[in-house]
Each structure stands twice: as C-alpha cells, then as structure tokens.
C-alpha cells in the first residue's frame, strides 16, 4: 500500500531515500484533499463568527 501511494504521488524509488513514510503519507493525503469538491467553503465572516 505504501509503494502504491508513493507511485500515485509521482515519487520515484530513488526519491524515497530522502523522504520518511510520514512525509509520503502526508503528501498523499494532501493530494486527495486537493481533489475533493467541498460542498461548502467558509468565508471570512464565518471564521470571524467562530
């Protein structure tokens, strides 16, 4: 599963020498978050009200 995630992120085997497992997992999670279409996005007014 880890190698699949690395390949999906476009990380080569030689690049994995410089990255930790946690860094690659974080990159994969952020990549999937970027693809998600959020139905509601907070505005500055929403943040101020919080």
Protein backbone atom coordinates (compact mmCIF):
# COMPACT_ATOMS: atom_id res chain seq x y z
CA UNK A 1 0.00 0.00 0.00
CA UNK A 2 2.83 2.37 0.85
CA UNK A 3 4.57 1.85 -2.50
CA UNK A 4 1.27 2.36 -4.32
CA UNK A 5 0.78 5.69 -2.56
CA UNK A 6 4.30 6.76 -3.46
CA UNK A 7 3.72 5.93 -7.12
CA UNK A 8 0.37 7.76 -7.12
CA UNK A 9 2.18 10.86 -5.81
CA UNK A 10 4.79 10.55 -8.56
CA UNK A 11 7.64 9.74 -6.18
CA UNK A 12 10.41 7.60 -7.62
CA UNK A 13 12.20 4.88 -5.68
CA UNK A 14 15.38 6.97 -5.59
CA UNK A 15 13.43 9.95 -4.17
CA UNK A 16 12.09 7.79 -1.33
CA UNK A 17 15.59 7.72 0.13
CA UNK A 18 15.15 11.37 1.14
CA UNK A 19 11.58 11.13 2.46
CA UNK A 20 10.07 9.50 5.52
CA UNK A 21 6.99 7.28 5.47
CA UNK A 22 5.08 10.02 7.26
CA UNK A 23 6.05 12.62 4.66
CA UNK A 24 4.83 10.42 1.82
CA UNK A 25 1.57 9.66 3.65
CA UNK A 26 1.03 13.39 4.26
CA UNK A 27 1.69 14.14 0.58
CA UNK A 28 -0.86 11.50 -0.45
CA UNK A 29 -3.49 12.85 1.95
CA UNK A 30 -2.98 16.42 0.75
CA UNK A 31 -3.20 15.28 -2.87
CA UNK A 32 -6.57 13.65 -2.17
CA UNK A 33 -7.78 16.72 -0.23
CA UNK A 34 -6.99 18.92 -3.24
CA UNK A 35 -9.17 16.72 -5.46
CA UNK A 36 -12.18 16.80 -3.10
CA UNK A 37 -15.00 19.14 -4.10
CA UNK A 38 -16.11 20.68 -0.81
CA UNK A 39 -19.86 21.46 -0.84
CA UNK A 40 -19.46 24.46 1.46
CA UNK A 41 -16.41 26.65 1.92
CA UNK A 42 -16.15 29.00 4.90
CA UNK A 43 -15.92 32.72 4.29
CA UNK A 44 -14.02 35.24 6.39
CA UNK A 45 -17.30 36.19 8.05
CA UNK A 46 -17.84 32.57 9.10
CA UNK A 47 -14.36 32.45 10.63
CA UNK A 48 -14.89 35.76 12.43
CA UNK A 49 -18.19 34.46 13.88
CA UNK A 50 -16.47 31.36 15.17
